[in-house]
Amino acid sequence: MTQSRMPPAVAGRFLAYTTKEHEDIAIAGTQSSSVSGIVIRDRDPRAAVRRARSAGYQSSVIPDAGVWTRKLATLASPTALQAPDALLQVSLDSWASGLVTAGAGAVLTPSKFVSLADWTALQAVLRAGEETELPQVITLVATDAAMLSPSYVRTFVETVVTSRPMAFVFAAKDGPFNRRHRAAGLRYLMSRRPGSLLMATEPLAATDAYAHGAAGAAIGVGGGTRRPKRPGDQGGGPDAKDFMPGLFLRELWEHRTPGIYADWFANSPSPTCPDCNDRALDVFDKTDTDKRNVLCHNVHAWLAVFNELRVQTPPEQRRWSADEWLTALTAHLTLRPGVGTVGADLLLRQLVELDDPLGRRTTLQGALY
C-alpha cells in the first residue's frame, strides 16, 4: 500500500473543478469554505492562478494545464514538458516553481492522456512526476475510465506506484461510470493507493472515493467537467432537457435537469433547498441567470455533504455513505412521474450493490432483488 503526503491545499478538501466558463461560480461558491478551493483548467495555468488571486480569492487554487484533454502520452513525451512537442525545454521544477510563485497552492504535472492499457506511457507519466522534490507538485494521471474495469484495474493499481502524491482523472465518451464494475474498481484503487486526489468527477464518486481512502476530490462545476471525455471523443449523449444544467438533488443523489425533476415530482411535493431560500428545485426558467443558479446550488449542496462526511472516522464515513446510497435509491420508488418512468443513476446502483450484505442487484427503478 502506497501513500504519499498530499499538499495541504488539497488534503481533506472537496474542491470545485472548473474551466474559465464557470470560474466565477466556483470562486463564489467556495470562497467562504475552509475545506474547499478551486482547480482551474486553463491552457495558460499561470494566468488562471493570477485571475483567481486578483479577484481576492484566498483559498486553495490549483491550476490544471489540461494537456490531457488534447494529447496522448507516449514514452518519449509523457507531459507537455518533454520533447518532441515542447515549445520550450524547461524542467518540472522551473515550470512548477513559477506557478507556486504566482499563488498556486499545489501544481498538477502537465500530463498527457494515457490510453487504455498503455502501461509504457503510464510509467513514463509517473517517472516525469518524480523529476522534482517540490512538495506542491502532484503527479496527474489522466486515463481511460475502462482502466477501472476488471480486465485492467489490478495491473493499473500495481503500476501507479510512486513516491509523489497522485491525482487521477478518469474519462470516457459516455460518462466514466456508465459501465458496471467501475465503481468497484475505483474503490479498489483508492483503498490500495490511499491519499490520492480524484478529479473532474461527480459528488457520488467523490464522496465514495473519500470514504474509501482518497485525500480529497475535485468535483466538476459543469457537466463536461464532471464527466470528462478522452482526447478525440466526439459528441456524446443527447442534449440536456430544456438545455439546462444538471441539478444535484441529495434526496436522490442525482444530477438531472429541473425539467426531469418536474416530471418525477409531478405527483409528489417538490424538493426544496433551504440555502436557496427554500426554492423549489424542479422549477427554473431557461435563462442564463437560472442556469447559474442551478450551478451555484450544486456547489453549496455538495459542500454541505462534505461537511457532514469529513468529521467522521473512516469506518463511520463508509457506514454513513452506504446509508445515504440506499436511502437515495429507495427514494426513487416513491416517485410518481407525470409521464415516463424513473431511472436511477447507474453509479448509485453500483454503490448500493457493492454495500449490500446479501449481494442483491438493483433495478432501474430503484428496487433491490
Protein backbone atom coordinates (compact mmCIF):
# COMPACT_ATOMS: atom_id res chain seq x y z
CA MET A 1 0.00 0.00 0.00
CA THR A 2 1.50 3.33 -1.11
CA GLN A 3 0.59 6.64 0.50
CA SER A 4 2.39 9.93 -0.02
CA ARG A 5 1.84 13.29 1.57
CA MET A 6 -0.70 15.40 -0.29
CA PRO A 7 -0.16 19.19 -0.19
CA PRO A 8 -2.33 20.97 2.42
CA ALA A 9 -4.02 22.90 -0.39
CA VAL A 10 -5.62 19.61 -1.45
CA ALA A 11 -5.71 17.21 1.51
CA GLY A 12 -9.04 16.94 3.28
CA ARG A 13 -10.87 19.16 0.79
CA PHE A 14 -13.69 18.96 -1.73
CA LEU A 15 -12.53 21.33 -4.45
CA ALA A 16 -14.53 22.81 -7.30
CA TYR A 17 -13.12 21.77 -10.67
CA THR A 18 -13.84 24.29 -13.40
CA THR A 19 -12.86 25.89 -16.66
CA LYS A 20 -12.87 29.65 -17.22
CA GLU A 21 -16.56 29.44 -18.23
CA HIS A 22 -17.71 28.75 -14.66
CA GLU A 23 -14.70 30.09 -12.78
CA ASP A 24 -16.67 32.87 -11.10
CA ILE A 25 -19.26 30.39 -9.84
CA ALA A 26 -16.55 28.15 -8.42
CA ILE A 27 -14.91 31.10 -6.68
CA ALA A 28 -18.14 32.48 -5.25
CA GLY A 29 -19.36 29.09 -4.09
CA THR A 30 -16.18 28.05 -2.29
CA GLN A 31 -14.59 31.25 -1.04
CA SER A 32 -16.20 31.05 2.41
CA SER A 33 -15.32 27.39 2.94
CA SER A 34 -12.19 26.41 4.86
CA VAL A 35 -12.29 22.91 3.37
CA SER A 36 -12.64 23.73 -0.32
CA GLY A 37 -10.83 25.57 -3.08
CA ILE A 38 -10.73 25.53 -6.87
CA VAL A 39 -8.98 23.62 -9.61
CA ILE A 40 -8.93 25.70 -12.79
CA ARG A 41 -8.32 24.03 -16.14
CA ASP A 42 -6.70 26.51 -18.49
CA ARG A 43 -4.09 26.29 -21.26
CA ASP A 44 -2.38 29.21 -19.51
CA PRO A 45 -2.24 27.95 -15.93
CA ARG A 46 -0.34 30.96 -14.62
CA ALA A 47 -2.98 33.33 -15.96
CA ALA A 48 -5.67 31.20 -14.27
CA VAL A 49 -3.95 31.48 -10.90
CA ARG A 50 -3.46 35.20 -11.28
CA ARG A 51 -7.12 35.74 -12.18
CA ALA A 52 -8.26 33.99 -9.02
CA ARG A 53 -5.80 35.82 -6.79
CA SER A 54 -6.60 39.16 -8.44
CA ALA A 55 -10.26 38.53 -7.63
CA GLY A 56 -9.31 38.32 -3.96
CA TYR A 57 -9.73 34.58 -3.68
CA GLN A 58 -7.95 33.40 -0.53
CA SER A 59 -8.49 29.65 -0.56
CA SER A 60 -6.62 26.93 -2.47
CA VAL A 61 -6.00 27.48 -6.18
CA ILE A 62 -4.66 24.54 -8.20
CA PRO A 63 -4.08 25.02 -11.94
CA ASP A 64 -4.58 22.20 -14.45
CA ALA A 65 -2.94 22.89 -17.82
CA GLY A 66 -5.43 20.46 -19.37
CA VAL A 67 -2.90 18.91 -21.74
CA TRP A 68 -4.60 15.53 -21.12
CA THR A 69 -7.74 16.76 -22.88
CA ARG A 70 -5.84 17.16 -26.15
CA LYS A 71 -2.77 14.93 -26.40
CA LEU A 72 -1.84 11.31 -25.78
CA ALA A 73 1.11 10.35 -23.60
CA THR A 74 3.98 8.38 -25.07
CA LEU A 75 7.24 7.01 -23.73
CA ALA A 76 9.15 9.91 -25.30
CA SER A 77 6.61 12.60 -24.40
CA PRO A 78 4.52 11.84 -21.31
CA THR A 79 3.93 15.50 -20.41
CA ALA A 80 3.97 18.86 -22.17
CA LEU A 81 7.49 19.48 -20.87
CA GLN A 82 9.18 16.68 -22.81
CA ALA A 83 10.32 16.62 -26.43
CA PRO A 84 9.38 16.28 -29.23
CA ASP A 85 6.47 18.72 -28.97
CA ALA A 86 7.54 21.02 -26.14
CA LEU A 87 7.87 24.62 -27.29
CA LEU A 88 10.48 25.26 -24.62
CA GLN A 89 12.67 22.74 -22.84
CA VAL A 90 12.01 23.61 -19.20
CA SER A 91 12.32 21.43 -16.12
CA LEU A 92 9.35 20.45 -13.99
CA ASP A 93 11.00 22.29 -11.08
CA SER A 94 11.19 25.51 -13.05
CA TRP A 95 7.72 25.23 -14.51
CA ALA A 96 6.04 24.39 -11.20
CA SER A 97 8.02 26.99 -9.21
CA GLY A 98 6.65 29.73 -11.43
CA LEU A 99 3.08 28.65 -10.67
CA VAL A 100 3.72 28.47 -6.94
CA THR A 101 5.20 31.96 -7.05
CA ALA A 102 2.07 33.15 -8.88
CA GLY A 103 -0.06 31.86 -6.00
CA ALA A 104 -0.84 28.20 -6.69
CA GLY A 105 -1.30 26.12 -3.55
CA ALA A 106 -0.47 22.96 -5.47
CA VAL A 107 0.58 22.17 -9.04
CA LEU A 108 -0.52 19.29 -11.25
CA THR A 109 2.02 17.92 -13.70
CA PRO A 110 1.08 18.85 -17.30
CA SER A 111 0.49 15.20 -18.12
CA LYS A 112 -0.85 13.91 -21.39
CA PHE A 113 -3.62 11.31 -21.57
CA VAL A 114 -2.76 7.66 -21.00
CA SER A 115 -4.62 5.41 -23.44
CA LEU A 116 -6.23 2.19 -22.27
CA ALA A 117 -3.60 -0.40 -21.25
CA ASP A 118 -0.67 1.74 -22.44
CA TRP A 119 1.48 0.72 -19.49
CA THR A 120 4.66 2.14 -21.00
CA ALA A 121 3.12 5.61 -21.29
CA LEU A 122 1.69 5.34 -17.78
CA GLN A 123 5.11 4.53 -16.34
CA ALA A 124 6.59 7.46 -18.26
CA VAL A 125 4.00 9.83 -16.78
CA LEU A 126 4.87 8.62 -13.28
CA ARG A 127 8.61 9.00 -13.88
CA ALA A 128 8.09 12.52 -15.22
CA GLY A 129 6.33 13.45 -11.98
CA GLU A 130 9.32 12.28 -9.96
CA GLU A 131 11.64 14.83 -11.59
CA THR A 132 11.05 17.27 -8.74
CA GLU A 133 11.15 17.38 -4.97
CA LEU A 134 8.81 20.36 -4.68
CA PRO A 135 6.15 19.40 -2.11
CA GLN A 136 3.44 21.27 -4.02
CA VAL A 137 3.73 19.10 -7.15
CA ILE A 138 1.15 16.35 -7.72
CA THR A 139 1.58 13.76 -10.46
CA LEU A 140 -1.54 13.81 -12.64
CA VAL A 141 -2.64 10.53 -14.19
CA ALA A 142 -5.46 11.09 -16.67
CA THR A 143 -6.62 7.92 -18.35
CA ASP A 144 -9.46 5.91 -19.84
CA ALA A 145 -12.14 5.02 -17.27
CA ALA A 146 -12.01 1.47 -18.63
CA MET A 147 -8.78 1.14 -16.61
CA LEU A 148 -11.13 0.61 -13.64
CA SER A 149 -12.75 -2.44 -15.22
CA PRO A 150 -11.86 -5.96 -14.02
CA SER A 151 -9.64 -6.62 -17.05
CA TYR A 152 -7.25 -3.79 -16.23
CA VAL A 153 -7.66 -2.46 -12.70
CA ARG A 154 -5.21 -4.75 -10.90
CA THR A 155 -2.41 -4.03 -13.36
CA PHE A 156 -3.28 -0.34 -13.22
CA VAL A 157 -3.05 -0.27 -9.42
CA GLU A 158 0.20 -2.25 -9.44
CA THR A 159 1.67 0.24 -11.93
CA VAL A 160 0.72 3.51 -10.22
CA VAL A 161 3.44 3.27 -7.59
CA THR A 162 5.36 6.47 -6.92
CA SER A 163 6.76 8.46 -4.04
CA ARG A 164 4.88 11.51 -5.30
CA PRO A 165 1.27 12.43 -4.43
CA MET A 166 -1.10 11.48 -7.24
CA ALA A 167 -4.25 12.84 -8.80
CA PHE A 168 -6.49 10.80 -11.08
CA VAL A 169 -8.86 11.75 -13.89
CA PHE A 170 -10.99 9.04 -15.49
CA ALA A 171 -12.52 9.89 -18.85
CA ALA A 172 -14.93 8.21 -21.26
CA LYS A 173 -17.13 9.17 -24.17
CA ASP A 174 -20.42 8.41 -22.41
CA GLY A 175 -19.58 9.06 -18.76
CA PRO A 176 -16.77 7.42 -16.76
CA PHE A 177 -19.06 5.35 -14.55
CA ASN A 178 -21.70 4.41 -17.09
CA ARG A 179 -20.37 0.86 -17.10
CA ARG A 180 -20.70 -1.75 -14.38
CA HIS A 181 -17.72 -2.73 -12.21
CA ARG A 182 -16.04 0.67 -12.48
CA ALA A 183 -17.31 1.76 -9.05
CA ALA A 184 -15.71 -1.35 -7.59
CA GLY A 185 -12.52 -0.57 -9.49
CA LEU A 186 -12.44 2.95 -8.08
CA ARG A 187 -12.84 1.66 -4.53
CA TYR A 188 -10.05 -0.84 -5.13
CA LEU A 189 -7.75 1.91 -6.40
CA MET A 190 -8.47 4.28 -3.52
CA SER A 191 -8.00 1.58 -0.90
CA ARG A 192 -4.68 0.44 -2.43
CA ARG A 193 -3.38 3.94 -3.18
CA PRO A 194 -4.81 5.97 -0.29
CA GLY A 195 -4.14 9.66 -0.05
CA SER A 196 -4.79 10.33 -3.75
CA LEU A 197 -6.93 13.05 -5.33
CA LEU A 198 -9.89 12.20 -7.60
CA MET A 199 -10.50 15.00 -10.11
CA ALA A 200 -13.10 16.11 -12.62
CA THR A 201 -15.73 13.90 -11.12
CA GLU A 202 -19.23 13.95 -9.64
CA PRO A 203 -20.35 14.11 -5.99
CA LEU A 204 -21.23 10.40 -5.86
CA ALA A 205 -17.79 9.26 -6.97
CA ALA A 206 -16.04 11.94 -4.91
CA THR A 207 -17.85 11.02 -1.70
CA ASP A 208 -17.36 7.30 -2.11
CA ALA A 209 -13.70 7.74 -3.01
CA TYR A 210 -13.09 9.89 0.07
CA ALA A 211 -14.79 7.36 2.32
CA HIS A 212 -12.52 4.64 0.90
CA GLY A 213 -9.16 6.38 1.18
CA ALA A 214 -8.90 9.42 -1.09
CA ALA A 215 -7.24 12.52 0.37
CA GLY A 216 -9.75 14.74 -1.39
CA ALA A 217 -11.68 15.31 -4.58
CA ALA A 218 -12.31 17.98 -7.19
CA ILE A 219 -15.94 17.97 -8.34
CA GLY A 220 -16.84 19.38 -11.72
CA VAL A 221 -18.98 22.52 -11.70
CA GLY A 222 -20.34 21.93 -15.20
CA GLY A 223 -21.49 18.69 -16.77
CA GLY A 224 -18.44 18.45 -19.02
CA THR A 225 -16.09 18.78 -16.07
CA ARG A 226 -17.97 16.11 -14.09
CA ARG A 227 -17.93 13.66 -16.99
CA PRO A 228 -14.70 14.30 -18.90
CA LYS A 229 -14.10 12.85 -22.33
CA ARG A 230 -10.98 11.30 -23.79
CA PRO A 231 -8.97 13.17 -26.44
CA GLY A 232 -10.71 12.77 -29.76
CA ASP A 233 -14.11 11.79 -28.35
CA GLN A 234 -16.84 13.49 -30.32
CA GLY A 235 -20.41 14.20 -29.34
CA GLY A 236 -21.87 12.20 -26.51
CA GLY A 237 -25.34 11.77 -25.14
CA PRO A 238 -28.47 13.69 -26.10
CA ASP A 239 -28.80 17.36 -25.21
CA ALA A 240 -29.98 18.03 -21.69
CA LYS A 241 -33.71 18.60 -21.31
CA ASP A 242 -34.50 22.29 -21.92
CA PHE A 243 -30.73 22.82 -22.38
CA MET A 244 -30.45 23.30 -18.61
CA PRO A 245 -27.55 22.06 -16.47
CA GLY A 246 -28.00 19.10 -14.18
CA LEU A 247 -29.05 19.94 -10.63
CA PHE A 248 -27.64 17.96 -7.71
CA LEU A 249 -30.52 16.64 -5.62
CA ARG A 250 -29.22 14.98 -2.50
CA GLU A 251 -32.51 13.23 -1.72
CA LEU A 252 -31.87 11.09 -4.81
CA TRP A 253 -28.10 11.59 -5.27
CA GLU A 254 -28.83 12.50 -8.87
CA HIS A 255 -27.75 15.18 -11.32
CA ARG A 256 -30.79 15.80 -13.51
CA THR A 257 -32.20 18.88 -15.18
CA PRO A 258 -35.04 20.68 -13.39
CA GLY A 259 -37.37 19.58 -16.18
CA ILE A 260 -36.68 15.93 -15.39
CA TYR A 261 -37.37 16.55 -11.71
CA ALA A 262 -40.57 18.40 -12.61
CA ASP A 263 -41.80 15.19 -14.23
CA TRP A 264 -40.53 12.90 -11.47
CA PHE A 265 -42.17 15.01 -8.74
CA ALA A 266 -45.34 15.78 -10.72
CA ASN A 267 -47.46 13.89 -8.19
CA SER A 268 -45.27 14.50 -5.14
CA PRO A 269 -44.22 17.57 -3.13
CA SER A 270 -41.42 19.43 -4.90
CA PRO A 271 -37.96 19.20 -3.34
CA THR A 272 -36.68 22.47 -1.92
CA CYS A 273 -33.35 23.89 -0.75
CA PRO A 274 -33.16 25.97 2.44
CA ASP A 275 -29.88 27.54 1.29
CA CYS A 276 -31.64 28.72 -1.88
CA ASN A 277 -34.36 30.48 0.16
CA ASP A 278 -36.50 27.32 0.13
CA ARG A 279 -36.74 27.45 -3.64
CA ALA A 280 -38.44 24.54 -5.35
CA LEU A 281 -35.73 22.65 -7.19
CA ASP A 282 -37.87 21.44 -10.06
CA VAL A 283 -38.85 24.88 -11.37
CA PHE A 284 -36.24 27.01 -13.11
CA ASP A 285 -36.52 29.33 -16.07
CA LYS A 286 -34.47 28.76 -19.22
CA THR A 287 -32.42 31.87 -18.59
CA ASP A 288 -28.71 32.39 -18.08
CA THR A 289 -29.47 33.59 -14.56
CA ASP A 290 -31.30 30.44 -13.59
CA LYS A 291 -28.70 28.24 -15.26
CA ARG A 292 -26.16 29.88 -12.99
CA ASN A 293 -28.48 29.46 -10.01
CA VAL A 294 -28.53 25.71 -10.65
CA LEU A 295 -24.73 25.54 -10.66
CA CYS A 296 -24.45 27.69 -7.52
CA HIS A 297 -26.90 25.38 -5.76
CA ASN A 298 -24.81 22.38 -6.75
CA VAL A 299 -21.63 23.76 -5.18
CA HIS A 300 -23.13 24.54 -1.81
CA ALA A 301 -25.12 21.30 -1.80
CA TRP A 302 -22.09 19.04 -2.21
CA LEU A 303 -20.04 21.14 0.20
CA ALA A 304 -22.77 20.54 2.79
CA VAL A 305 -22.38 16.81 2.16
CA PHE A 306 -18.64 17.04 2.70
CA ASN A 307 -19.04 18.96 5.95
CA GLU A 308 -21.05 16.03 7.29
CA LEU A 309 -18.67 13.43 5.94
CA ARG A 310 -15.29 14.82 6.93
CA VAL A 311 -15.88 14.96 10.71
CA GLN A 312 -16.41 11.20 10.90
CA THR A 313 -13.87 8.40 11.20
CA PRO A 314 -13.23 6.32 8.05
CA PRO A 315 -15.41 3.40 9.25
CA GLU A 316 -18.18 5.86 10.10
CA GLN A 317 -17.81 7.50 6.69
CA ARG A 318 -18.31 4.18 4.94
CA ARG A 319 -21.38 3.34 7.02
CA TRP A 320 -22.76 6.84 6.52
CA SER A 321 -22.28 6.76 2.76
CA ALA A 322 -23.78 3.26 2.46
CA ASP A 323 -26.88 4.51 4.29
CA GLU A 324 -27.01 7.58 2.04
CA TRP A 325 -26.83 5.49 -1.13
CA LEU A 326 -29.52 3.04 -0.03
CA THR A 327 -31.88 5.78 1.18
CA ALA A 328 -31.47 7.68 -2.07
CA LEU A 329 -32.01 4.62 -4.23
CA THR A 330 -35.18 3.53 -2.44
CA ALA A 331 -36.47 7.12 -2.58
CA HIS A 332 -36.75 6.66 -6.34
CA LEU A 333 -39.51 4.10 -5.69
CA THR A 334 -41.72 6.72 -4.05
CA LEU A 335 -41.81 8.97 -7.10
CA ARG A 336 -44.88 9.09 -9.32
CA PRO A 337 -43.86 10.79 -12.55
CA GLY A 338 -46.38 12.50 -14.76
CA VAL A 339 -45.08 10.73 -17.85
CA GLY A 340 -42.43 8.13 -18.49
CA THR A 341 -40.54 6.28 -15.79
CA VAL A 342 -37.91 6.98 -13.16
CA GLY A 343 -34.43 5.63 -13.83
CA ALA A 344 -31.83 5.65 -11.06
CA ASP A 345 -28.24 6.65 -11.74
CA LEU A 346 -26.11 3.62 -12.63
CA LEU A 347 -23.26 4.67 -10.35
CA LEU A 348 -25.68 4.94 -7.43
CA ARG A 349 -26.98 1.47 -8.21
CA GLN A 350 -23.45 0.05 -8.36
CA LEU A 351 -22.58 1.54 -4.96
CA VAL A 352 -25.72 0.11 -3.34
CA GLU A 353 -24.94 -3.30 -4.79
CA LEU A 354 -21.36 -3.15 -3.51
CA ASP A 355 -22.57 -2.36 0.00
CA ASP A 356 -25.49 -4.79 0.13
CA PRO A 357 -24.67 -7.60 2.62
CA LEU A 358 -26.93 -10.01 0.71
CA GLY A 359 -25.28 -9.35 -2.63
CA ARG A 360 -28.53 -8.24 -4.23
CA ARG A 361 -28.84 -6.43 -7.56
CA THR A 362 -30.84 -3.29 -8.29
CA THR A 363 -33.49 -2.44 -10.82
CA LEU A 364 -33.53 0.69 -12.94
CA GLN A 365 -36.43 2.00 -10.84
CA GLY A 366 -34.52 1.59 -7.56
CA ALA A 367 -35.60 -1.75 -6.12
CA LEU A 368 -33.32 -4.48 -4.73
CA TYR A 369 -33.85 -8.09 -5.68
